[in-house]
Amino acid sequence: MKREQISNRPRARQLQHVSVLDVNRGGNTMSDLRHLISVSVLGSVALTGVASAAEPGWPPPAIPGGWTVTVGVEGKGIPAFEGASQYVIDPVPVFSLRRSDKTARFRSPRDGASIALINAGGFYFGPVGKFRQGRDESESEELRGLGDVDWTLEVGLFAEYWPSDWLRGRVEVRRGFHGHEGIVADFSADFVVPVMERWTISGGPRLTLADTDATAPYFGINAAQSAASGLPAFDAKGGIYSVGAGLQARYQWSQQWAARSYVEYSRLMGDAGSSPLVTERGSANQVTFGLGVTYSFDIKLW
């Protein structure tokens, strides 16, 4: 089996809030957030010394078996709600399953969980899904009076193309169910560059479009919500939802162990960025960052 270059896991639901940061309040909180982001980007560097001391050589022997299971855990920092200036740090489980004779596909932190039904000449196509957390007004003072938004399951299709070994373009179009009933489209490009023998660095631009049904539940404010919250009424429409960029670093300790860290930045645009919830109580600048470790092993299912 070829040495695994890239791990592949579905995006997981956040399980439990560990801590909260406010990037707009307090004297040193912005510095604290920058420090945590720096730790998420550079943290895997500190682990390389441990890995090097534990490994007898490189590359390690292949793991026997029919299927490769990858499990792990990741600490992920996300905005407390969409458009928030506060951040929460959550533990996130990691899981993926693939045939042992197949090399794991590259995956960006923004990718939905997908299955490639078509795989030909660097082109991949198939179904995709993504879980979107709900919003509870009781969890934040900034949300009081705005009501709750239920969780959403977004399902749709993705297309991915690799014009070369180091460049990937991907688009996902998903329709929401339960929390919002709209259409969301994510566009991304990633440069994927192996650095030395065990490091892989990737990153590139991001663009998200969303229609009115996918935007209004999070950023619209009706007359009743305006009276209850003190924010002006706002009729949020669809369009360009956000633009941004991401950066990811992955270190392959051994055939079994790997670590990754990443930072994703997005700027809310259009009515999402113009909503009074964002301009008066939140921030249009949204950052997601994480640091995690995974372990892979082979099993025979039959």
C-alpha atoms as a PDB file:
ATOM      1  CA  MET A   1       0.000   0.000   0.000  1.00  0.00           C
ATOM      2  CA  LYS A   2       1.287   3.449  -0.862  1.00  0.00           C
ATOM      3  CA  ARG A   3       2.181   5.763   1.957  1.00  0.00           C
ATOM      4  CA  GLU A   4      -0.901   7.753   2.838  1.00  0.00           C
ATOM      5  CA  GLN A   5      -0.374  11.393   1.853  1.00  0.00           C
ATOM      6  CA  ILE A   6      -3.678  12.990   2.735  1.00  0.00           C
ATOM      7  CA  SER A   7      -6.369  12.080   5.270  1.00  0.00           C
ATOM      8  CA  ASN A   8     -10.032  12.101   4.308  1.00  0.00           C
ATOM      9  CA  ARG A   9     -12.794  12.572   6.896  1.00  0.00           C
ATOM     10  CA  PRO A  10     -16.328  13.882   6.817  1.00  0.00           C
ATOM     11  CA  ARG A  11     -17.010  17.162   8.503  1.00  0.00           C
ATOM     12  CA  ALA A  12     -18.223  16.368  11.989  1.00  0.00           C
ATOM     13  CA  ARG A  13     -20.740  18.069  14.257  1.00  0.00           C
ATOM     14  CA  GLN A  14     -19.282  20.000  17.162  1.00  0.00           C
ATOM     15  CA  LEU A  15     -19.875  18.122  20.396  1.00  0.00           C
ATOM     16  CA  GLN A  16     -19.173  20.371  23.376  1.00  0.00           C
ATOM     17  CA  HIS A  17     -18.099  23.972  23.878  1.00  0.00           C
ATOM     18  CA  VAL A  18     -14.814  24.111  25.760  1.00  0.00           C
ATOM     19  CA  SER A  19     -14.083  27.827  25.910  1.00  0.00           C
ATOM     20  CA  VAL A  20     -15.276  31.138  24.505  1.00  0.00           C
ATOM     21  CA  LEU A  21     -13.204  34.005  23.120  1.00  0.00           C
ATOM     22  CA  ASP A  22     -14.454  37.490  22.239  1.00  0.00           C
ATOM     23  CA  VAL A  23     -12.413  39.222  19.544  1.00  0.00           C
ATOM     24  CA  ASN A  24     -14.069  42.603  20.013  1.00  0.00           C
ATOM     25  CA  ARG A  25     -14.177  42.917  23.804  1.00  0.00           C
ATOM     26  CA  GLY A  26     -11.443  43.169  26.385  1.00  0.00           C
ATOM     27  CA  GLY A  27      -7.922  44.407  26.103  1.00  0.00           C
ATOM     28  CA  ASN A  28      -6.042  41.263  25.055  1.00  0.00           C
ATOM     29  CA  THR A  29      -8.671  38.963  23.546  1.00  0.00           C
ATOM     30  CA  MET A  30      -7.656  39.672  19.957  1.00  0.00           C
ATOM     31  CA  SER A  31      -4.100  38.770  20.906  1.00  0.00           C
ATOM     32  CA  ASP A  32      -5.418  35.600  22.540  1.00  0.00           C
ATOM     33  CA  LEU A  33      -7.225  34.599  19.343  1.00  0.00           C
ATOM     34  CA  ARG A  34      -4.167  35.275  17.225  1.00  0.00           C
ATOM     35  CA  HIS A  35      -2.128  33.192  19.633  1.00  0.00           C
ATOM     36  CA  LEU A  36      -4.539  30.251  19.375  1.00  0.00           C
ATOM     37  CA  ILE A  37      -4.553  30.455  15.577  1.00  0.00           C
ATOM     38  CA  SER A  38      -0.764  30.485  15.576  1.00  0.00           C
ATOM     39  CA  VAL A  39      -0.757  27.448  17.845  1.00  0.00           C
ATOM     40  CA  SER A  40      -3.141  25.607  15.485  1.00  0.00           C
ATOM     41  CA  VAL A  41      -0.904  26.326  12.487  1.00  0.00           C
ATOM     42  CA  LEU A  42       2.398  25.575  14.167  1.00  0.00           C
ATOM     43  CA  GLY A  43       1.342  22.960  16.706  1.00  0.00           C
ATOM     44  CA  SER A  44       2.031  20.012  14.466  1.00  0.00           C
ATOM     45  CA  VAL A  45       5.634  21.193  14.167  1.00  0.00           C
ATOM     46  CA  ALA A  46       6.150  20.505  17.847  1.00  0.00           C
ATOM     47  CA  LEU A  47       4.974  16.935  17.368  1.00  0.00           C
ATOM     48  CA  THR A  48       7.497  16.063  14.696  1.00  0.00           C
ATOM     49  CA  GLY A  49      10.325  15.617  17.163  1.00  0.00           C
ATOM     50  CA  VAL A  50       8.319  13.007  19.076  1.00  0.00           C
ATOM     51  CA  ALA A  51       7.470  11.207  15.852  1.00  0.00           C
ATOM     52  CA  SER A  52      11.041  11.221  14.613  1.00  0.00           C
ATOM     53  CA  ALA A  53      12.297   9.752  17.870  1.00  0.00           C
ATOM     54  CA  ALA A  54       9.698   6.984  17.800  1.00  0.00           C
ATOM     55  CA  GLU A  55      10.130   5.861  14.192  1.00  0.00           C
ATOM     56  CA  PRO A  56      12.854   3.401  13.192  1.00  0.00           C
ATOM     57  CA  GLY A  57      12.857   4.516   9.574  1.00  0.00           C
ATOM     58  CA  TRP A  58      10.939   5.974   6.668  1.00  0.00           C
ATOM     59  CA  PRO A  59       8.873   4.965   4.835  1.00  0.00           C
ATOM     60  CA  PRO A  60       7.315   2.436   7.222  1.00  0.00           C
ATOM     61  CA  PRO A  61       6.011  -0.933   5.993  1.00  0.00           C
ATOM     62  CA  ALA A  62       2.486  -1.149   4.626  1.00  0.00           C
ATOM     63  CA  ILE A  63      -0.321  -2.230   6.934  1.00  0.00           C
ATOM     64  CA  PRO A  64      -1.909  -5.525   5.846  1.00  0.00           C
ATOM     65  CA  GLY A  65      -5.687  -5.764   5.429  1.00  0.00           C
ATOM     66  CA  GLY A  66      -8.598  -5.013   3.130  1.00  0.00           C
ATOM     67  CA  TRP A  67      -9.960  -1.676   4.417  1.00  0.00           C
ATOM     68  CA  THR A  68      -8.256   1.285   6.073  1.00  0.00           C
ATOM     69  CA  VAL A  69     -10.049   2.921   8.985  1.00  0.00           C
ATOM     70  CA  THR A  70      -8.934   6.357  10.161  1.00  0.00           C
ATOM     71  CA  VAL A  71     -10.000   7.659  13.562  1.00  0.00           C
ATOM     72  CA  GLY A  72      -8.880  10.689  15.526  1.00  0.00           C
ATOM     73  CA  VAL A  73      -9.781  13.856  17.361  1.00  0.00           C
ATOM     74  CA  GLU A  74      -9.467  17.510  16.494  1.00  0.00           C
ATOM     75  CA  GLY A  75      -9.737  20.723  18.462  1.00  0.00           C
ATOM     76  CA  LYS A  76     -11.669  23.180  16.317  1.00  0.00           C
ATOM     77  CA  GLY A  77     -12.250  26.891  16.860  1.00  0.00           C
ATOM     78  CA  ILE A  78     -15.365  28.342  15.201  1.00  0.00           C
ATOM     79  CA  PRO A  79     -17.530  31.459  15.556  1.00  0.00           C
ATOM     80  CA  ALA A  80     -20.157  31.023  18.296  1.00  0.00           C
ATOM     81  CA  PHE A  81     -22.801  31.668  15.626  1.00  0.00           C
ATOM     82  CA  GLU A  82     -22.645  32.777  12.001  1.00  0.00           C
ATOM     83  CA  GLY A  83     -21.503  36.381  12.035  1.00  0.00           C
ATOM     84  CA  ALA A  84     -20.334  36.252  15.662  1.00  0.00           C
ATOM     85  CA  SER A  85     -17.305  38.018  17.092  1.00  0.00           C
ATOM     86  CA  GLN A  86     -17.023  35.345  19.794  1.00  0.00           C
ATOM     87  CA  TYR A  87     -15.372  31.978  19.249  1.00  0.00           C
ATOM     88  CA  VAL A  88     -15.828  28.570  20.816  1.00  0.00           C
ATOM     89  CA  ILE A  89     -13.333  25.710  20.839  1.00  0.00           C
ATOM     90  CA  ASP A  90     -14.905  22.282  20.366  1.00  0.00           C
ATOM     91  CA  PRO A  91     -13.574  18.704  20.266  1.00  0.00           C
ATOM     92  CA  VAL A  92     -14.467  17.054  16.957  1.00  0.00           C
ATOM     93  CA  PRO A  93     -14.237  13.315  16.185  1.00  0.00           C
ATOM     94  CA  VAL A  94     -12.542  12.165  12.970  1.00  0.00           C
ATOM     95  CA  PHE A  95     -13.543   9.035  11.046  1.00  0.00           C
ATOM     96  CA  SER A  96     -13.073   7.743   7.503  1.00  0.00           C
ATOM     97  CA  LEU A  97     -13.124   4.393   5.703  1.00  0.00           C
ATOM     98  CA  ARG A  98     -11.510   3.455   2.388  1.00  0.00           C
ATOM     99  CA  ARG A  99     -10.093   0.440   0.595  1.00  0.00           C
ATOM    100  CA  SER A 100      -6.506  -0.252   1.602  1.00  0.00           C
ATOM    101  CA  ASP A 101      -5.325  -0.390  -1.999  1.00  0.00           C
ATOM    102  CA  LYS A 102      -6.606   3.149  -2.649  1.00  0.00           C
ATOM    103  CA  THR A 103      -4.653   6.281  -1.774  1.00  0.00           C
ATOM    104  CA  ALA A 104      -6.630   8.657   0.417  1.00  0.00           C
ATOM    105  CA  ARG A 105      -7.923  11.673  -1.476  1.00  0.00           C
ATOM    106  CA  PHE A 106      -6.951  15.173  -0.457  1.00  0.00           C
ATOM    107  CA  ARG A 107      -9.566  16.950   1.643  1.00  0.00           C
ATOM    108  CA  SER A 108      -9.896  20.588   2.598  1.00  0.00           C
ATOM    109  CA  PRO A 109     -11.420  21.501   5.986  1.00  0.00           C
ATOM    110  CA  ARG A 110     -14.340  23.152   4.137  1.00  0.00           C
ATOM    111  CA  ASP A 111     -15.221  20.080   2.066  1.00  0.00           C
ATOM    112  CA  GLY A 112     -18.462  18.274   2.736  1.00  0.00           C
ATOM    113  CA  ALA A 113     -18.543  14.507   3.222  1.00  0.00           C
ATOM    114  CA  SER A 114     -18.594  13.050  -0.289  1.00  0.00           C
ATOM    115  CA  ILE A 115     -18.451   9.823  -2.284  1.00  0.00           C
ATOM    116  CA  ALA A 116     -16.936   9.845  -5.773  1.00  0.00           C
ATOM    117  CA  LEU A 117     -19.181   7.769  -8.038  1.00  0.00           C
ATOM    118  CA  ILE A 118     -17.220   8.901 -11.102  1.00  0.00           C
ATOM    119  CA  ASN A 119     -13.427   8.886 -11.058  1.00  0.00           C
ATOM    120  CA  ALA A 120     -11.803   9.384 -14.450  1.00  0.00           C
ATOM    121  CA  GLY A 121      -8.737  11.339 -15.558  1.00  0.00           C
ATOM    122  CA  GLY A 122      -8.519  13.496 -12.451  1.00  0.00           C
ATOM    123  CA  PHE A 123     -12.272  14.233 -12.451  1.00  0.00           C
ATOM    124  CA  TYR A 124     -14.455  13.221  -9.507  1.00  0.00           C
ATOM    125  CA  PHE A 125     -18.221  13.510  -9.241  1.00  0.00           C
ATOM    126  CA  GLY A 126     -20.822  12.294  -6.767  1.00  0.00           C
ATOM    127  CA  PRO A 127     -23.102  13.071  -3.812  1.00  0.00           C
ATOM    128  CA  VAL A 128     -22.068  15.347  -0.968  1.00  0.00           C
ATOM    129  CA  GLY A 129     -23.494  16.256   2.422  1.00  0.00           C
ATOM    130  CA  LYS A 130     -22.752  18.746   5.168  1.00  0.00           C
ATOM    131  CA  PHE A 131     -24.177  19.284   8.646  1.00  0.00           C
ATOM    132  CA  ARG A 132     -24.821  22.873   9.701  1.00  0.00           C
ATOM    133  CA  GLN A 133     -25.315  23.577  13.378  1.00  0.00           C
ATOM    134  CA  GLY A 134     -28.373  25.394  14.628  1.00  0.00           C
ATOM    135  CA  ARG A 135     -28.508  28.598  16.615  1.00  0.00           C
ATOM    136  CA  ASP A 136     -30.028  28.964  20.093  1.00  0.00           C
ATOM    137  CA  GLU A 137     -30.772  32.524  21.205  1.00  0.00           C
ATOM    138  CA  SER A 138     -30.298  31.539  24.855  1.00  0.00           C
ATOM    139  CA  GLU A 139     -26.621  30.755  24.236  1.00  0.00           C
ATOM    140  CA  SER A 140     -25.562  34.325  23.502  1.00  0.00           C
ATOM    141  CA  GLU A 141     -26.676  37.757  24.665  1.00  0.00           C
ATOM    142  CA  GLU A 142     -26.240  39.020  21.095  1.00  0.00           C
ATOM    143  CA  LEU A 143     -28.963  36.616  19.897  1.00  0.00           C
ATOM    144  CA  ARG A 144     -31.644  37.506  22.464  1.00  0.00           C
ATOM    145  CA  GLY A 145     -34.928  38.229  20.734  1.00  0.00           C
ATOM    146  CA  LEU A 146     -33.870  36.811  17.365  1.00  0.00           C
ATOM    147  CA  GLY A 147     -35.286  33.317  17.879  1.00  0.00           C
ATOM    148  CA  ASP A 148     -33.727  29.916  17.337  1.00  0.00           C
ATOM    149  CA  VAL A 149     -32.578  28.390  14.044  1.00  0.00           C
ATOM    150  CA  ASP A 150     -32.699  24.589  13.853  1.00  0.00           C
ATOM    151  CA  TRP A 151     -29.828  22.441  12.601  1.00  0.00           C
ATOM    152  CA  THR A 152     -29.661  21.875   8.860  1.00  0.00           C
ATOM    153  CA  LEU A 153     -28.628  18.909   6.760  1.00  0.00           C
ATOM    154  CA  GLU A 154     -27.375  20.058   3.355  1.00  0.00           C
ATOM    155  CA  VAL A 155     -27.222  17.444   0.602  1.00  0.00           C
ATOM    156  CA  GLY A 156     -26.321  17.756  -3.054  1.00  0.00           C
ATOM    157  CA  LEU A 157     -23.614  17.056  -5.604  1.00  0.00           C
ATOM    158  CA  PHE A 158     -19.930  17.859  -5.930  1.00  0.00           C
ATOM    159  CA  ALA A 159     -17.493  18.007  -8.838  1.00  0.00           C
ATOM    160  CA  GLU A 160     -13.728  18.031  -8.435  1.00  0.00           C
ATOM    161  CA  TYR A 161     -10.980  18.281 -11.010  1.00  0.00           C
ATOM    162  CA  TRP A 162      -7.202  17.932 -10.766  1.00  0.00           C
ATOM    163  CA  PRO A 163      -5.545  19.542 -13.832  1.00  0.00           C
ATOM    164  CA  SER A 164      -2.203  18.603 -12.259  1.00  0.00           C
ATOM    165  CA  ASP A 165      -0.924  16.751  -9.192  1.00  0.00           C
ATOM    166  CA  TRP A 166      -0.604  19.993  -7.226  1.00  0.00           C
ATOM    167  CA  LEU A 167      -3.830  21.843  -8.123  1.00  0.00           C
ATOM    168  CA  ARG A 168      -7.425  20.985  -7.284  1.00  0.00           C
ATOM    169  CA  GLY A 169     -10.654  22.799  -8.162  1.00  0.00           C
ATOM    170  CA  ARG A 170     -13.902  21.823  -6.425  1.00  0.00           C
ATOM    171  CA  VAL A 171     -17.534  22.933  -6.409  1.00  0.00           C
ATOM    172  CA  GLU A 172     -20.340  21.755  -4.148  1.00  0.00           C
ATOM    173  CA  VAL A 173     -24.025  22.594  -4.640  1.00  0.00           C
ATOM    174  CA  ARG A 174     -26.231  21.612  -1.700  1.00  0.00           C
ATOM    175  CA  ARG A 175     -29.874  22.025  -0.707  1.00  0.00           C
ATOM    176  CA  GLY A 176     -30.767  22.518   2.939  1.00  0.00           C
ATOM    177  CA  PHE A 177     -33.350  20.582   4.923  1.00  0.00           C
ATOM    178  CA  HIS A 178     -34.857  21.349   8.344  1.00  0.00           C
ATOM    179  CA  GLY A 179     -33.111  24.548   9.522  1.00  0.00           C
ATOM    180  CA  HIS A 180     -33.022  26.340   6.176  1.00  0.00           C
ATOM    181  CA  GLU A 181     -34.536  25.267   2.864  1.00  0.00           C
ATOM    182  CA  GLY A 182     -32.209  27.120   0.519  1.00  0.00           C
ATOM    183  CA  ILE A 183     -29.402  26.429  -1.938  1.00  0.00           C
ATOM    184  CA  VAL A 184     -25.711  26.888  -1.084  1.00  0.00           C
ATOM    185  CA  ALA A 185     -22.794  26.653  -3.532  1.00  0.00           C
ATOM    186  CA  ASP A 186     -19.149  26.438  -2.408  1.00  0.00           C
ATOM    187  CA  PHE A 187     -16.275  27.049  -4.833  1.00  0.00           C
ATOM    188  CA  SER A 188     -12.653  26.424  -3.895  1.00  0.00           C
ATOM    189  CA  ALA A 189      -9.201  25.956  -5.378  1.00  0.00           C
ATOM    190  CA  ASP A 190      -6.284  24.395  -3.537  1.00  0.00           C
ATOM    191  CA  PHE A 191      -2.592  24.218  -4.252  1.00  0.00           C
ATOM    192  CA  VAL A 192      -1.358  20.932  -2.754  1.00  0.00           C
ATOM    193  CA  VAL A 193       2.412  20.885  -2.355  1.00  0.00           C
ATOM    194  CA  PRO A 194       4.482  18.149  -0.664  1.00  0.00           C
ATOM    195  CA  VAL A 195       7.258  19.757   1.381  1.00  0.00           C
ATOM    196  CA  MET A 196      10.185  17.504   2.250  1.00  0.00           C
ATOM    197  CA  GLU A 197       9.183  13.887   2.780  1.00  0.00           C
ATOM    198  CA  ARG A 198       6.357  13.989   5.302  1.00  0.00           C
ATOM    199  CA  TRP A 199       4.902  17.490   5.104  1.00  0.00           C
ATOM    200  CA  THR A 200       2.068  18.545   2.801  1.00  0.00           C
ATOM    201  CA  ILE A 201       1.044  22.203   2.596  1.00  0.00           C
ATOM    202  CA  SER A 202      -2.187  23.220   0.872  1.00  0.00           C
ATOM    203  CA  GLY A 203      -4.401  26.253   0.511  1.00  0.00           C
ATOM    204  CA  GLY A 204      -6.200  28.607  -1.815  1.00  0.00           C
ATOM    205  CA  PRO A 205      -9.184  30.911  -2.395  1.00  0.00           C
ATOM    206  CA  ARG A 206     -12.822  30.303  -1.366  1.00  0.00           C
ATOM    207  CA  LEU A 207     -16.187  31.619  -2.560  1.00  0.00           C
ATOM    208  CA  THR A 208     -19.678  30.806  -1.255  1.00  0.00           C
ATOM    209  CA  LEU A 209     -23.016  31.734  -2.830  1.00  0.00           C
ATOM    210  CA  ALA A 210     -26.361  31.339  -1.051  1.00  0.00           C
ATOM    211  CA  ASP A 211     -29.937  32.115  -2.048  1.00  0.00           C
ATOM    212  CA  THR A 212     -32.427  34.020   0.091  1.00  0.00           C
ATOM    213  CA  ASP A 213     -33.854  30.904   1.756  1.00  0.00           C
ATOM    214  CA  ALA A 214     -30.353  29.958   2.948  1.00  0.00           C
ATOM    215  CA  THR A 215     -29.428  33.487   4.099  1.00  0.00           C
ATOM    216  CA  ALA A 216     -32.553  34.945   5.716  1.00  0.00           C
ATOM    217  CA  PRO A 217     -32.852  32.499   8.675  1.00  0.00           C
ATOM    218  CA  TYR A 218     -29.420  33.545   9.954  1.00  0.00           C
ATOM    219  CA  PHE A 219     -29.259  37.236   9.053  1.00  0.00           C
ATOM    220  CA  GLY A 220     -32.822  38.466   8.464  1.00  0.00           C
ATOM    221  CA  ILE A 221     -34.660  40.374  11.227  1.00  0.00           C
ATOM    222  CA  ASN A 222     -38.448  40.652  11.064  1.00  0.00           C
ATOM    223  CA  ALA A 223     -40.615  43.207  12.905  1.00  0.00           C
ATOM    224  CA  ALA A 224     -41.198  40.981  15.955  1.00  0.00           C
ATOM    225  CA  GLN A 225     -37.508  40.123  16.244  1.00  0.00           C
ATOM    226  CA  SER A 226     -36.611  43.795  15.871  1.00  0.00           C
ATOM    227  CA  ALA A 227     -38.902  44.754  18.754  1.00  0.00           C
ATOM    228  CA  ALA A 228     -37.562  41.944  20.959  1.00  0.00           C
ATOM    229  CA  SER A 229     -33.876  42.430  20.182  1.00  0.00           C
ATOM    230  CA  GLY A 230     -33.560  46.171  19.686  1.00  0.00           C
ATOM    231  CA  LEU A 231     -31.967  45.688  16.276  1.00  0.00           C
ATOM    232  CA  PRO A 232     -33.466  47.323  13.187  1.00  0.00           C
ATOM    233  CA  ALA A 233     -35.574  45.161  10.883  1.00  0.00           C
ATOM    234  CA  PHE A 234     -33.604  43.744   7.970  1.00  0.00           C
ATOM    235  CA  ASP A 235     -34.734  41.820   4.888  1.00  0.00           C
ATOM    236  CA  ALA A 236     -31.751  39.598   4.052  1.00  0.00           C
ATOM    237  CA  LYS A 237     -31.499  38.470   0.424  1.00  0.00           C
ATOM    238  CA  GLY A 238     -29.263  35.940  -1.258  1.00  0.00           C
ATOM    239  CA  GLY A 239     -26.177  36.464  -3.395  1.00  0.00           C
ATOM    240  CA  ILE A 240     -22.478  36.316  -2.633  1.00  0.00           C
ATOM    241  CA  TYR A 241     -22.333  34.959   0.910  1.00  0.00           C
ATOM    242  CA  SER A 242     -18.601  35.064   1.625  1.00  0.00           C
ATOM    243  CA  VAL A 243     -15.127  35.180   0.108  1.00  0.00           C
ATOM    244  CA  GLY A 244     -11.928  34.034   1.726  1.00  0.00           C
ATOM    245  CA  ALA A 245      -8.931  31.732   1.754  1.00  0.00           C
ATOM    246  CA  GLY A 246      -7.585  28.740   3.642  1.00  0.00           C
ATOM    247  CA  LEU A 247      -4.252  27.207   4.618  1.00  0.00           C
ATOM    248  CA  GLN A 248      -3.590  23.661   5.847  1.00  0.00           C
ATOM    249  CA  ALA A 249      -0.448  21.812   6.965  1.00  0.00           C
ATOM    250  CA  ARG A 250      -0.288  18.029   7.362  1.00  0.00           C
ATOM    251  CA  TYR A 251       2.515  15.932   8.822  1.00  0.00           C
ATOM    252  CA  GLN A 252       2.690  12.147   8.276  1.00  0.00           C
ATOM    253  CA  TRP A 253       4.399  10.763  11.369  1.00  0.00           C
ATOM    254  CA  SER A 254       4.222   7.172  10.194  1.00  0.00           C
ATOM    255  CA  GLN A 255       1.980   4.893   8.175  1.00  0.00           C
ATOM    256  CA  GLN A 256      -0.508   4.975  11.052  1.00  0.00           C
ATOM    257  CA  TRP A 257      -0.151   8.408  12.646  1.00  0.00           C
ATOM    258  CA  ALA A 258      -0.710  11.838  11.109  1.00  0.00           C
ATOM    259  CA  ALA A 259      -1.369  15.371  12.352  1.00  0.00           C
ATOM    260  CA  ARG A 260      -2.833  18.405  10.670  1.00  0.00           C
ATOM    261  CA  SER A 261      -3.501  22.051  11.446  1.00  0.00           C
ATOM    262  CA  TYR A 262      -5.419  24.635   9.446  1.00  0.00           C
ATOM    263  CA  VAL A 263      -6.822  28.153   9.332  1.00  0.00           C
ATOM    264  CA  GLU A 264      -9.804  29.196   7.192  1.00  0.00           C
ATOM    265  CA  TYR A 265     -10.738  32.873   6.838  1.00  0.00           C
ATOM    266  CA  SER A 266     -13.923  34.195   5.269  1.00  0.00           C
ATOM    267  CA  ARG A 267     -15.393  37.664   4.911  1.00  0.00           C
ATOM    268  CA  LEU A 268     -19.191  37.830   4.984  1.00  0.00           C
ATOM    269  CA  MET A 269     -20.476  39.688   1.928  1.00  0.00           C
ATOM    270  CA  GLY A 270     -23.761  41.024   0.596  1.00  0.00           C
ATOM    271  CA  ASP A 271     -26.716  40.995   2.964  1.00  0.00           C
ATOM    272  CA  ALA A 272     -24.999  38.477   5.238  1.00  0.00           C
ATOM    273  CA  GLY A 273     -22.259  41.006   5.958  1.00  0.00           C
ATOM    274  CA  SER A 274     -24.671  43.962   6.066  1.00  0.00           C
ATOM    275  CA  SER A 275     -27.093  42.471   8.602  1.00  0.00           C
ATOM    276  CA  PRO A 276     -27.418  44.528  11.835  1.00  0.00           C
ATOM    277  CA  LEU A 277     -26.632  41.316  13.725  1.00  0.00           C
ATOM    278  CA  VAL A 278     -23.175  41.433  12.134  1.00  0.00           C
ATOM    279  CA  THR A 279     -22.544  45.183  11.942  1.00  0.00           C
ATOM    280  CA  GLU A 280     -23.800  45.995  15.471  1.00  0.00           C
ATOM    281  CA  ARG A 281     -23.187  42.820  17.472  1.00  0.00           C
ATOM    282  CA  GLY A 282     -20.787  40.642  15.526  1.00  0.00           C
ATOM    283  CA  SER A 283     -18.107  40.704  12.858  1.00  0.00           C
ATOM    284  CA  ALA A 284     -17.968  40.112   9.121  1.00  0.00           C
ATOM    285  CA  ASN A 285     -14.534  38.545   9.583  1.00  0.00           C
ATOM    286  CA  GLN A 286     -14.974  34.859  10.318  1.00  0.00           C
ATOM    287  CA  VAL A 287     -12.103  32.500  11.193  1.00  0.00           C
ATOM    288  CA  THR A 288     -12.081  28.740  11.668  1.00  0.00           C
ATOM    289  CA  PHE A 289      -8.930  27.034  12.946  1.00  0.00           C
ATOM    290  CA  GLY A 290      -8.041  23.557  14.110  1.00  0.00           C
ATOM    291  CA  LEU A 291      -5.365  21.100  15.205  1.00  0.00           C
ATOM    292  CA  GLY A 292      -5.846  17.343  15.238  1.00  0.00           C
ATOM    293  CA  VAL A 293      -4.269  13.914  15.149  1.00  0.00           C
ATOM    294  CA  THR A 294      -5.408  10.696  13.433  1.00  0.00           C
ATOM    295  CA  TYR A 295      -4.555   7.010  13.602  1.00  0.00           C
ATOM    296  CA  SER A 296      -5.106   4.599  10.675  1.00  0.00           C
ATOM    297  CA  PHE A 297      -5.356   0.819  10.797  1.00  0.00           C
ATOM    298  CA  ASP A 298      -6.448  -1.924   8.417  1.00  0.00           C
ATOM    299  CA  ILE A 299      -9.276  -4.416   8.897  1.00  0.00           C
ATOM    300  CA  LYS A 300     -10.907  -7.195   6.900  1.00  0.00           C
ATOM    301  CA  LEU A 301     -14.681  -6.781   6.680  1.00  0.00           C
ATOM    302  CA  TRP A 302     -15.193 -10.150   5.003  1.00  0.00           C
END
